[in-house]
Full PDB file with SEQRES, HELIX, SHEET, SSBOND, CRYST1, ORIGX, SCALE, CONECT and MASTER records, all heavy atoms in Angstrom:
SEQRES   1 A   38  SER THR ASP TYR ALA ASP SER VAL LYS GLY ARG PHE THR          
SEQRES   2 A   38  ILE SER ARG ASP ASN ALA LYS ASN THR LEU TYR LEU GLN          
SEQRES   3 A   38  MET ASN SER LEU LYS PRO GLU ASP THR ALA VAL TYR              
HELIX    1 AA1 PRO A   32  ASP A   34  5                                   3    
SHEET    1 AA1 2 PHE A  12  ASP A  17  0                                        
SHEET    2 AA1 2 THR A  22  MET A  27 -1                                        
CRYST1    1.000    1.000    1.000  90.00  90.00  90.00 P 1           1          
ORIGX1      1.000000  0.000000  0.000000        0.00000                         
ORIGX2      0.000000  1.000000  0.000000        0.00000                         
ORIGX3      0.000000  0.000000  1.000000        0.00000                         
SCALE1      1.000000  0.000000  0.000000        0.00000                         
SCALE2      0.000000  1.000000  0.000000        0.00000                         
SCALE3      0.000000  0.000000  1.000000        0.00000                         
ATOM      1  N   SER A   1      -3.638  10.616   8.222  1.00  0.00           N  
ATOM      2  CA  SER A   1      -4.869  10.063   7.567  1.00  0.00           C  
ATOM      3  C   SER A   1      -4.444   9.254   6.332  1.00  0.00           C  
ATOM      4  O   SER A   1      -3.527   9.660   5.577  1.00  0.00           O  
ATOM      5  CB  SER A   1      -5.785  11.176   7.197  1.00  0.00           C  
ATOM      6  OG  SER A   1      -6.226  11.882   8.340  1.00  0.00           O  
ATOM      7  N   THR A   2      -5.119   8.174   6.162  1.00  0.00           N  
ATOM      8  CA  THR A   2      -4.955   7.347   4.947  1.00  0.00           C  
ATOM      9  C   THR A   2      -6.154   7.115   4.183  1.00  0.00           C  
ATOM     10  O   THR A   2      -7.306   7.211   4.721  1.00  0.00           O  
ATOM     11  CB  THR A   2      -4.270   6.009   5.354  1.00  0.00           C  
ATOM     12  OG1 THR A   2      -5.268   5.322   6.219  1.00  0.00           O  
ATOM     13  CG2 THR A   2      -3.004   6.122   6.011  1.00  0.00           C  
ATOM     14  N   ASP A   3      -5.954   6.800   2.865  1.00  0.00           N  
ATOM     15  CA  ASP A   3      -7.142   6.536   2.024  1.00  0.00           C  
ATOM     16  C   ASP A   3      -6.691   5.499   1.017  1.00  0.00           C  
ATOM     17  O   ASP A   3      -5.449   5.521   0.624  1.00  0.00           O  
ATOM     18  CB  ASP A   3      -7.630   7.783   1.395  1.00  0.00           C  
ATOM     19  CG  ASP A   3      -9.078   7.637   0.790  1.00  0.00           C  
ATOM     20  OD1 ASP A   3      -9.719   6.651   1.190  1.00  0.00           O  
ATOM     21  OD2 ASP A   3      -9.452   8.531   0.052  1.00  0.00           O  
ATOM     22  N   TYR A   4      -7.590   4.696   0.529  1.00  0.00           N  
ATOM     23  CA  TYR A   4      -7.217   3.616  -0.421  1.00  0.00           C  
ATOM     24  C   TYR A   4      -8.271   3.499  -1.522  1.00  0.00           C  
ATOM     25  O   TYR A   4      -9.428   3.782  -1.346  1.00  0.00           O  
ATOM     26  CB  TYR A   4      -7.227   2.301   0.420  1.00  0.00           C  
ATOM     27  CG  TYR A   4      -6.190   2.259   1.508  1.00  0.00           C  
ATOM     28  CD1 TYR A   4      -6.555   2.685   2.763  1.00  0.00           C  
ATOM     29  CD2 TYR A   4      -4.837   1.976   1.244  1.00  0.00           C  
ATOM     30  CE1 TYR A   4      -5.613   2.657   3.791  1.00  0.00           C  
ATOM     31  CE2 TYR A   4      -3.947   1.977   2.296  1.00  0.00           C  
ATOM     32  CZ  TYR A   4      -4.322   2.333   3.495  1.00  0.00           C  
ATOM     33  OH  TYR A   4      -3.355   2.384   4.526  1.00  0.00           O  
ATOM     34  N   ALA A   5      -7.773   3.072  -2.673  1.00  0.00           N  
ATOM     35  CA  ALA A   5      -8.630   2.669  -3.780  1.00  0.00           C  
ATOM     36  C   ALA A   5      -9.424   1.453  -3.276  1.00  0.00           C  
ATOM     37  O   ALA A   5      -8.948   0.627  -2.478  1.00  0.00           O  
ATOM     38  CB  ALA A   5      -7.888   2.359  -4.943  1.00  0.00           C  
ATOM     39  N   ASP A   6     -10.672   1.439  -3.784  1.00  0.00           N  
ATOM     40  CA  ASP A   6     -11.559   0.279  -3.399  1.00  0.00           C  
ATOM     41  C   ASP A   6     -10.911  -1.074  -3.661  1.00  0.00           C  
ATOM     42  O   ASP A   6     -11.094  -2.014  -2.947  1.00  0.00           O  
ATOM     43  CB  ASP A   6     -12.904   0.395  -4.071  1.00  0.00           C  
ATOM     44  CG  ASP A   6     -13.767   1.452  -3.578  1.00  0.00           C  
ATOM     45  OD1 ASP A   6     -13.468   2.050  -2.419  1.00  0.00           O  
ATOM     46  OD2 ASP A   6     -14.697   1.930  -4.291  1.00  0.00           O  
ATOM     47  N   SER A   7     -10.133  -1.117  -4.711  1.00  0.00           N  
ATOM     48  CA  SER A   7      -9.588  -2.410  -5.157  1.00  0.00           C  
ATOM     49  C   SER A   7      -8.513  -2.945  -4.187  1.00  0.00           C  
ATOM     50  O   SER A   7      -8.240  -4.140  -4.277  1.00  0.00           O  
ATOM     51  CB  SER A   7      -8.939  -2.288  -6.564  1.00  0.00           C  
ATOM     52  OG  SER A   7      -7.943  -1.245  -6.564  1.00  0.00           O  
ATOM     53  N   VAL A   8      -7.967  -2.119  -3.336  1.00  0.00           N  
ATOM     54  CA  VAL A   8      -6.874  -2.555  -2.412  1.00  0.00           C  
ATOM     55  C   VAL A   8      -7.315  -2.425  -0.992  1.00  0.00           C  
ATOM     56  O   VAL A   8      -6.548  -2.747  -0.078  1.00  0.00           O  
ATOM     57  CB  VAL A   8      -5.582  -1.820  -2.689  1.00  0.00           C  
ATOM     58  CG1 VAL A   8      -5.174  -1.968  -4.218  1.00  0.00           C  
ATOM     59  CG2 VAL A   8      -5.648  -0.350  -2.285  1.00  0.00           C  
ATOM     60  N   LYS A   9      -8.422  -1.753  -0.718  1.00  0.00           N  
ATOM     61  CA  LYS A   9      -8.869  -1.524   0.643  1.00  0.00           C  
ATOM     62  C   LYS A   9      -8.995  -2.786   1.482  1.00  0.00           C  
ATOM     63  O   LYS A   9      -9.545  -3.836   0.987  1.00  0.00           O  
ATOM     64  CB  LYS A   9     -10.225  -0.800   0.643  1.00  0.00           C  
ATOM     65  CG  LYS A   9     -10.593  -0.043   1.912  1.00  0.00           C  
ATOM     66  CD  LYS A   9     -11.803   0.831   1.639  1.00  0.00           C  
ATOM     67  CE  LYS A   9     -11.510   2.005   0.719  1.00  0.00           C  
ATOM     68  NZ  LYS A   9     -12.647   2.896   0.533  1.00  0.00           N  
ATOM     69  N   GLY A  10      -8.361  -2.784   2.637  1.00  0.00           N  
ATOM     70  CA  GLY A  10      -8.459  -3.942   3.411  1.00  0.00           C  
ATOM     71  C   GLY A  10      -7.273  -4.857   3.211  1.00  0.00           C  
ATOM     72  O   GLY A  10      -6.950  -5.802   4.029  1.00  0.00           O  
ATOM     73  N   ARG A  11      -6.461  -4.722   2.190  1.00  0.00           N  
ATOM     74  CA  ARG A  11      -5.327  -5.494   1.852  1.00  0.00           C  
ATOM     75  C   ARG A  11      -4.022  -4.734   1.897  1.00  0.00           C  
ATOM     76  O   ARG A  11      -2.998  -5.324   2.256  1.00  0.00           O  
ATOM     77  CB  ARG A  11      -5.465  -6.141   0.433  1.00  0.00           C  
ATOM     78  CG  ARG A  11      -6.751  -7.002   0.285  1.00  0.00           C  
ATOM     79  CD  ARG A  11      -6.732  -7.762  -1.025  1.00  0.00           C  
ATOM     80  NE  ARG A  11      -6.770  -6.809  -2.197  1.00  0.00           N  
ATOM     81  CZ  ARG A  11      -5.859  -6.793  -3.146  1.00  0.00           C  
ATOM     82  NH1 ARG A  11      -4.818  -7.594  -3.128  1.00  0.00           N  
ATOM     83  NH2 ARG A  11      -5.994  -5.931  -4.116  1.00  0.00           N  
ATOM     84  N   PHE A  12      -4.025  -3.513   1.543  1.00  0.00           N  
ATOM     85  CA  PHE A  12      -2.854  -2.660   1.510  1.00  0.00           C  
ATOM     86  C   PHE A  12      -2.850  -1.661   2.608  1.00  0.00           C  
ATOM     87  O   PHE A  12      -3.894  -1.168   2.990  1.00  0.00           O  
ATOM     88  CB  PHE A  12      -2.721  -1.889   0.127  1.00  0.00           C  
ATOM     89  CG  PHE A  12      -2.473  -2.718  -1.033  1.00  0.00           C  
ATOM     90  CD1 PHE A  12      -2.535  -4.101  -1.010  1.00  0.00           C  
ATOM     91  CD2 PHE A  12      -2.188  -2.070  -2.292  1.00  0.00           C  
ATOM     92  CE1 PHE A  12      -2.258  -4.875  -2.193  1.00  0.00           C  
ATOM     93  CE2 PHE A  12      -1.882  -2.787  -3.418  1.00  0.00           C  
ATOM     94  CZ  PHE A  12      -1.914  -4.162  -3.350  1.00  0.00           C  
ATOM     95  N   THR A  13      -1.646  -1.350   3.104  1.00  0.00           N  
ATOM     96  CA  THR A  13      -1.502  -0.364   4.184  1.00  0.00           C  
ATOM     97  C   THR A  13      -0.326   0.569   3.814  1.00  0.00           C  
ATOM     98  O   THR A  13       0.775   0.102   3.659  1.00  0.00           O  
ATOM     99  CB  THR A  13      -1.231  -1.027   5.503  1.00  0.00           C  
ATOM    100  OG1 THR A  13      -2.325  -1.929   5.834  1.00  0.00           O  
ATOM    101  CG2 THR A  13      -1.126   0.054   6.637  1.00  0.00           C  
ATOM    102  N   ILE A  14      -0.647   1.880   3.807  1.00  0.00           N  
ATOM    103  CA  ILE A  14       0.374   2.801   3.521  1.00  0.00           C  
ATOM    104  C   ILE A  14       0.862   3.421   4.913  1.00  0.00           C  
ATOM    105  O   ILE A  14       0.078   3.633   5.772  1.00  0.00           O  
ATOM    106  CB  ILE A  14      -0.136   3.995   2.614  1.00  0.00           C  
ATOM    107  CG1 ILE A  14       1.056   4.923   2.204  1.00  0.00           C  
ATOM    108  CG2 ILE A  14      -1.334   4.755   3.199  1.00  0.00           C  
ATOM    109  CD1 ILE A  14       0.624   5.939   1.126  1.00  0.00           C  
ATOM    110  N   SER A  15       2.157   3.636   4.969  1.00  0.00           N  
ATOM    111  CA  SER A  15       2.683   4.221   6.205  1.00  0.00           C  
ATOM    112  C   SER A  15       3.959   5.053   5.869  1.00  0.00           C  
ATOM    113  O   SER A  15       4.505   4.933   4.692  1.00  0.00           O  
ATOM    114  CB  SER A  15       3.021   3.147   7.254  1.00  0.00           C  
ATOM    115  OG  SER A  15       4.010   2.209   6.722  1.00  0.00           O  
ATOM    116  N   ARG A  16       4.487   5.720   6.839  1.00  0.00           N  
ATOM    117  CA  ARG A  16       5.640   6.531   6.594  1.00  0.00           C  
ATOM    118  C   ARG A  16       6.541   6.520   7.791  1.00  0.00           C  
ATOM    119  O   ARG A  16       6.093   6.335   8.977  1.00  0.00           O  
ATOM    120  CB  ARG A  16       5.248   7.962   6.209  1.00  0.00           C  
ATOM    121  CG  ARG A  16       4.515   8.649   7.380  1.00  0.00           C  
ATOM    122  CD  ARG A  16       3.742   9.888   6.880  1.00  0.00           C  
ATOM    123  NE  ARG A  16       4.689  10.851   6.307  1.00  0.00           N  
ATOM    124  CZ  ARG A  16       4.347  11.786   5.479  1.00  0.00           C  
ATOM    125  NH1 ARG A  16       3.158  11.790   4.979  1.00  0.00           N  
ATOM    126  NH2 ARG A  16       5.259  12.618   5.016  1.00  0.00           N  
ATOM    127  N   ASP A  17       7.828   6.766   7.592  1.00  0.00           N  
ATOM    128  CA  ASP A  17       8.777   6.925   8.669  1.00  0.00           C  
ATOM    129  C   ASP A  17       9.502   8.273   8.360  1.00  0.00           C  
ATOM    130  O   ASP A  17      10.474   8.276   7.534  1.00  0.00           O  
ATOM    131  CB  ASP A  17       9.806   5.752   8.728  1.00  0.00           C  
ATOM    132  CG  ASP A  17      10.720   5.836   9.925  1.00  0.00           C  
ATOM    133  OD1 ASP A  17      11.005   7.024  10.400  1.00  0.00           O  
ATOM    134  OD2 ASP A  17      11.282   4.818  10.369  1.00  0.00           O  
ATOM    135  N   ASN A  18       9.068   9.292   9.015  1.00  0.00           N  
ATOM    136  CA  ASN A  18       9.626  10.650   8.596  1.00  0.00           C  
ATOM    137  C   ASN A  18      11.114  10.744   9.083  1.00  0.00           C  
ATOM    138  O   ASN A  18      11.886  11.451   8.345  1.00  0.00           O  
ATOM    139  CB  ASN A  18       8.818  11.718   9.384  1.00  0.00           C  
ATOM    140  CG  ASN A  18       7.426  11.864   8.842  1.00  0.00           C  
ATOM    141  OD1 ASN A  18       7.207  11.627   7.642  1.00  0.00           O  
ATOM    142  ND2 ASN A  18       6.480  12.273   9.677  1.00  0.00           N  
ATOM    143  N   ALA A  19      11.487   9.995  10.027  1.00  0.00           N  
ATOM    144  CA  ALA A  19      12.901  10.025  10.476  1.00  0.00           C  
ATOM    145  C   ALA A  19      13.835   9.487   9.402  1.00  0.00           C  
ATOM    146  O   ALA A  19      14.947   9.784   9.253  1.00  0.00           O  
ATOM    147  CB  ALA A  19      13.149   9.309  11.760  1.00  0.00           C  
ATOM    148  N   LYS A  20      13.268   8.560   8.619  1.00  0.00           N  
ATOM    149  CA  LYS A  20      14.070   7.887   7.506  1.00  0.00           C  
ATOM    150  C   LYS A  20      13.666   8.404   6.135  1.00  0.00           C  
ATOM    151  O   LYS A  20      14.176   7.909   5.119  1.00  0.00           O  
ATOM    152  CB  LYS A  20      13.818   6.411   7.565  1.00  0.00           C  
ATOM    153  CG  LYS A  20      14.327   5.663   8.802  1.00  0.00           C  
ATOM    154  CD  LYS A  20      14.080   4.192   8.758  1.00  0.00           C  
ATOM    155  CE  LYS A  20      14.642   3.528   9.981  1.00  0.00           C  
ATOM    156  NZ  LYS A  20      14.469   1.994   9.998  1.00  0.00           N  
ATOM    157  N   ASN A  21      12.781   9.412   6.096  1.00  0.00           N  
ATOM    158  CA  ASN A  21      12.332  10.008   4.837  1.00  0.00           C  
ATOM    159  C   ASN A  21      11.878   8.859   3.846  1.00  0.00           C  
ATOM    160  O   ASN A  21      12.203   8.917   2.686  1.00  0.00           O  
ATOM    161  CB  ASN A  21      13.432  10.786   4.148  1.00  0.00           C  
ATOM    162  CG  ASN A  21      13.856  12.058   4.951  1.00  0.00           C  
ATOM    163  OD1 ASN A  21      13.035  12.576   5.657  1.00  0.00           O  
ATOM    164  ND2 ASN A  21      15.132  12.335   4.871  1.00  0.00           N  
ATOM    165  N   THR A  22      11.107   7.907   4.435  1.00  0.00           N  
ATOM    166  CA  THR A  22      10.711   6.769   3.677  1.00  0.00           C  
ATOM    167  C   THR A  22       9.187   6.538   3.814  1.00  0.00           C  
ATOM    168  O   THR A  22       8.617   6.675   4.866  1.00  0.00           O  
ATOM    169  CB  THR A  22      11.445   5.539   4.135  1.00  0.00           C  
ATOM    170  OG1 THR A  22      12.860   5.790   3.914  1.00  0.00           O  
ATOM    171  CG2 THR A  22      11.088   4.330   3.316  1.00  0.00           C  
ATOM    172  N   LEU A  23       8.561   6.197   2.654  1.00  0.00           N  
ATOM    173  CA  LEU A  23       7.259   5.825   2.577  1.00  0.00           C  
ATOM    174  C   LEU A  23       7.127   4.314   2.332  1.00  0.00           C  
ATOM    175  O   LEU A  23       7.935   3.773   1.608  1.00  0.00           O  
ATOM    176  CB  LEU A  23       6.584   6.587   1.429  1.00  0.00           C  
ATOM    177  CG  LEU A  23       5.080   6.476   1.186  1.00  0.00           C  
ATOM    178  CD1 LEU A  23       4.319   7.305   2.272  1.00  0.00           C  
ATOM    179  CD2 LEU A  23       4.700   6.995  -0.190  1.00  0.00           C  
ATOM    180  N   TYR A  24       6.073   3.645   2.875  1.00  0.00           N  
ATOM    181  CA  TYR A  24       6.000   2.215   2.725  1.00  0.00           C  
ATOM    182  C   TYR A  24       4.613   1.854   2.211  1.00  0.00           C  
ATOM    183  O   TYR A  24       3.627   2.653   2.378  1.00  0.00           O  
ATOM    184  CB  TYR A  24       6.196   1.536   4.138  1.00  0.00           C  
ATOM    185  CG  TYR A  24       7.476   1.743   4.724  1.00  0.00           C  
ATOM    186  CD1 TYR A  24       7.642   2.630   5.716  1.00  0.00           C  
ATOM    187  CD2 TYR A  24       8.641   1.076   4.278  1.00  0.00           C  
ATOM    188  CE1 TYR A  24       8.873   2.880   6.314  1.00  0.00           C  
ATOM    189  CE2 TYR A  24       9.910   1.302   4.888  1.00  0.00           C  
ATOM    190  CZ  TYR A  24       9.982   2.248   5.927  1.00  0.00           C  
ATOM    191  OH  TYR A  24      11.233   2.472   6.459  1.00  0.00           O  
ATOM    192  N   LEU A  25       4.555   0.713   1.569  1.00  0.00           N  
ATOM    193  CA  LEU A  25       3.228   0.124   1.222  1.00  0.00           C  
ATOM    194  C   LEU A  25       3.292  -1.373   1.530  1.00  0.00           C  
ATOM    195  O   LEU A  25       4.006  -2.152   0.831  1.00  0.00           O  
ATOM    196  CB  LEU A  25       2.947   0.330  -0.251  1.00  0.00           C  
ATOM    197  CG  LEU A  25       1.551  -0.172  -0.680  1.00  0.00           C  
ATOM    198  CD1 LEU A  25       0.427   0.699  -0.057  1.00  0.00           C  
ATOM    199  CD2 LEU A  25       1.406  -0.102  -2.189  1.00  0.00           C  
ATOM    200  N   GLN A  26       2.580  -1.754   2.537  1.00  0.00           N  
ATOM    201  CA  GLN A  26       2.438  -3.209   2.892  1.00  0.00           C  
ATOM    202  C   GLN A  26       1.298  -3.789   2.099  1.00  0.00           C  
ATOM    203  O   GLN A  26       0.171  -3.274   2.204  1.00  0.00           O  
ATOM    204  CB  GLN A  26       2.225  -3.321   4.465  1.00  0.00           C  
ATOM    205  CG  GLN A  26       1.969  -4.821   4.819  1.00  0.00           C  
ATOM    206  CD  GLN A  26       3.240  -5.615   4.701  1.00  0.00           C  
ATOM    207  OE1 GLN A  26       4.363  -5.192   4.945  1.00  0.00           O  
ATOM    208  NE2 GLN A  26       3.101  -6.813   4.196  1.00  0.00           N  
ATOM    209  N   MET A  27       1.661  -4.743   1.258  1.00  0.00           N  
ATOM    210  CA  MET A  27       0.566  -5.382   0.448  1.00  0.00           C  
ATOM    211  C   MET A  27       0.383  -6.809   0.831  1.00  0.00           C  
ATOM    212  O   MET A  27       1.325  -7.618   0.732  1.00  0.00           O  
ATOM    213  CB  MET A  27       1.070  -5.232  -0.991  1.00  0.00           C  
ATOM    214  CG  MET A  27       1.397  -3.856  -1.457  1.00  0.00           C  
ATOM    215  SD  MET A  27       1.681  -3.760  -3.221  1.00  0.00           S  
ATOM    216  CE  MET A  27       3.161  -4.812  -3.374  1.00  0.00           C  
ATOM    217  N   ASN A  28      -0.765  -7.068   1.289  1.00  0.00           N  
ATOM    218  CA  ASN A  28      -1.139  -8.500   1.695  1.00  0.00           C  
ATOM    219  C   ASN A  28      -2.187  -9.058   0.779  1.00  0.00           C  
ATOM    220  O   ASN A  28      -2.868  -8.326   0.072  1.00  0.00           O  
ATOM    221  CB  ASN A  28      -1.698  -8.464   3.156  1.00  0.00           C  
ATOM    222  CG  ASN A  28      -0.727  -8.008   4.161  1.00  0.00           C  
ATOM    223  OD1 ASN A  28       0.503  -8.177   3.986  1.00  0.00           O  
ATOM    224  ND2 ASN A  28      -1.136  -7.368   5.233  1.00  0.00           N  
ATOM    225  N   SER A  29      -2.393 -10.359   0.853  1.00  0.00           N  
ATOM    226  CA  SER A  29      -3.373 -11.036   0.035  1.00  0.00           C  
ATOM    227  C   SER A  29      -3.296 -10.596  -1.433  1.00  0.00           C  
ATOM    228  O   SER A  29      -4.376 -10.246  -2.006  1.00  0.00           O  
ATOM    229  CB  SER A  29      -4.747 -10.797   0.628  1.00  0.00           C  
ATOM    230  OG  SER A  29      -4.805 -11.253   1.964  1.00  0.00           O  
ATOM    231  N   LEU A  30      -2.096 -10.654  -1.985  1.00  0.00           N  
ATOM    232  CA  LEU A  30      -2.001 -10.082  -3.383  1.00  0.00           C  
ATOM    233  C   LEU A  30      -2.715 -10.940  -4.343  1.00  0.00           C  
ATOM    234  O   LEU A  30      -2.911 -12.192  -4.218  1.00  0.00           O  
ATOM    235  CB  LEU A  30      -0.480 -10.055  -3.687  1.00  0.00           C  
ATOM    236  CG  LEU A  30       0.250  -8.858  -3.056  1.00  0.00           C  
ATOM    237  CD1 LEU A  30       1.759  -9.126  -3.108  1.00  0.00           C  
ATOM    238  CD2 LEU A  30      -0.051  -7.548  -3.865  1.00  0.00           C  
ATOM    239  N   LYS A  31      -3.184 -10.279  -5.415  1.00  0.00           N  
ATOM    240  CA  LYS A  31      -3.975 -10.934  -6.440  1.00  0.00           C  
ATOM    241  C   LYS A  31      -3.284 -10.641  -7.734  1.00  0.00           C  
ATOM    242  O   LYS A  31      -2.537  -9.675  -7.987  1.00  0.00           O  
ATOM    243  CB  LYS A  31      -5.375 -10.321  -6.530  1.00  0.00           C  
ATOM    244  CG  LYS A  31      -6.175 -10.382  -5.196  1.00  0.00           C  
ATOM    245  CD  LYS A  31      -7.466  -9.609  -5.366  1.00  0.00           C  
ATOM    246  CE  LYS A  31      -8.338  -9.676  -4.076  1.00  0.00           C  
ATOM    247  NZ  LYS A  31      -9.567  -8.948  -4.151  1.00  0.00           N  
ATOM    248  N   PRO A  32      -3.579 -11.506  -8.777  1.00  0.00           N  
ATOM    249  CA  PRO A  32      -2.910 -11.333 -10.089  1.00  0.00           C  
ATOM    250  C   PRO A  32      -3.254  -9.907 -10.618  1.00  0.00           C  
ATOM    251  O   PRO A  32      -2.350  -9.310 -11.317  1.00  0.00           O  
ATOM    252  CB  PRO A  32      -3.556 -12.339 -10.960  1.00  0.00           C  
ATOM    253  CG  PRO A  32      -3.852 -13.481  -9.911  1.00  0.00           C  
ATOM    254  CD  PRO A  32      -4.226 -12.803  -8.712  1.00  0.00           C  
ATOM    255  N   GLU A  33      -4.407  -9.346 -10.353  1.00  0.00           N  
ATOM    256  CA  GLU A  33      -4.714  -8.028 -10.846  1.00  0.00           C  
ATOM    257  C   GLU A  33      -3.918  -6.903 -10.257  1.00  0.00           C  
ATOM    258  O   GLU A  33      -4.047  -5.723 -10.624  1.00  0.00           O  
ATOM    259  CB  GLU A  33      -6.188  -7.756 -10.689  1.00  0.00           C  
ATOM    260  CG  GLU A  33      -6.813  -8.058  -9.424  1.00  0.00           C  
ATOM    261  CD  GLU A  33      -7.407  -9.422  -9.263  1.00  0.00           C  
ATOM    262  OE1 GLU A  33      -6.821 -10.396  -9.810  1.00  0.00           O  
ATOM    263  OE2 GLU A  33      -8.533  -9.540  -8.665  1.00  0.00           O  
ATOM    264  N   ASP A  34      -3.101  -7.270  -9.123  1.00  0.00           N  
ATOM    265  CA  ASP A  34      -2.257  -6.239  -8.520  1.00  0.00           C  
ATOM    266  C   ASP A  34      -0.931  -6.104  -9.352  1.00  0.00           C  
ATOM    267  O   ASP A  34      -0.141  -5.206  -9.001  1.00  0.00           O  
ATOM    268  CB  ASP A  34      -1.955  -6.557  -7.053  1.00  0.00           C  
ATOM    269  CG  ASP A  34      -3.162  -6.629  -6.222  1.00  0.00           C  
ATOM    270  OD1 ASP A  34      -3.994  -5.621  -6.330  1.00  0.00           O  
ATOM    271  OD2 ASP A  34      -3.253  -7.461  -5.381  1.00  0.00           O  
ATOM    272  N   THR A  35      -0.720  -6.938 -10.310  1.00  0.00           N  
ATOM    273  CA  THR A  35       0.478  -6.868 -11.090  1.00  0.00           C  
ATOM    274  C   THR A  35       0.572  -5.505 -11.801  1.00  0.00           C  
ATOM    275  O   THR A  35      -0.380  -5.092 -12.543  1.00  0.00           O  
ATOM    276  CB  THR A  35       0.482  -8.017 -12.116  1.00  0.00           C  
ATOM    277  OG1 THR A  35       0.547  -9.274 -11.456  1.00  0.00           O  
ATOM    278  CG2 THR A  35       1.660  -7.911 -13.089  1.00  0.00           C  
ATOM    279  N   ALA A  36       1.715  -4.837 -11.578  1.00  0.00           N  
ATOM    280  CA  ALA A  36       1.921  -3.506 -12.100  1.00  0.00           C  
ATOM    281  C   ALA A  36       3.289  -2.981 -11.714  1.00  0.00           C  
ATOM    282  O   ALA A  36       3.913  -3.594 -10.853  1.00  0.00           O  
ATOM    283  CB  ALA A  36       0.795  -2.509 -11.603  1.00  0.00           C  
ATOM    284  N   VAL A  37       3.646  -1.879 -12.263  1.00  0.00           N  
ATOM    285  CA  VAL A  37       4.830  -1.157 -11.717  1.00  0.00           C  
ATOM    286  C   VAL A  37       4.278  -0.145 -10.723  1.00  0.00           C  
ATOM    287  O   VAL A  37       3.324   0.614 -11.022  1.00  0.00           O  
ATOM    288  CB  VAL A  37       5.562  -0.361 -12.828  1.00  0.00           C  
ATOM    289  CG1 VAL A  37       6.758   0.351 -12.217  1.00  0.00           C  
ATOM    290  CG2 VAL A  37       6.047  -1.401 -13.883  1.00  0.00           C  
ATOM    291  N   TYR A  38       4.904  -0.125  -9.553  1.00  0.00           N  
ATOM    292  CA  TYR A  38       4.381   0.732  -8.457  1.00  0.00           C  
ATOM    293  C   TYR A  38       5.338   1.949  -8.278  1.00  0.00           C  
ATOM    294  O   TYR A  38       6.603   1.741  -8.307  1.00  0.00           O  
ATOM    295  CB  TYR A  38       4.296  -0.064  -7.162  1.00  0.00           C  
ATOM    296  CG  TYR A  38       3.130  -0.969  -7.155  1.00  0.00           C  
ATOM    297  CD1 TYR A  38       3.046  -2.089  -7.914  1.00  0.00           C  
ATOM    298  CD2 TYR A  38       2.014  -0.686  -6.325  1.00  0.00           C  
ATOM    299  CE1 TYR A  38       1.943  -2.931  -7.903  1.00  0.00           C  
ATOM    300  CE2 TYR A  38       0.924  -1.497  -6.339  1.00  0.00           C  
ATOM    301  CZ  TYR A  38       0.874  -2.581  -7.079  1.00  0.00           C  
ATOM    302  OH  TYR A  38      -0.262  -3.426  -7.031  1.00  0.00           O  
TER     303      TYR A  38                                                      
MASTER        0    0    0    1    2    0    0    6  302    1    0    3          
END                                                                             
């Protein structure tokens, strides 16, 4: 199950690859207000 802040809903997608012990964040349609350290 996934959940998103309203500000990124529809643009960001969180996913995981358990075999690689890795978490991902696909960020599309980026906006200047997305500028931050993640």
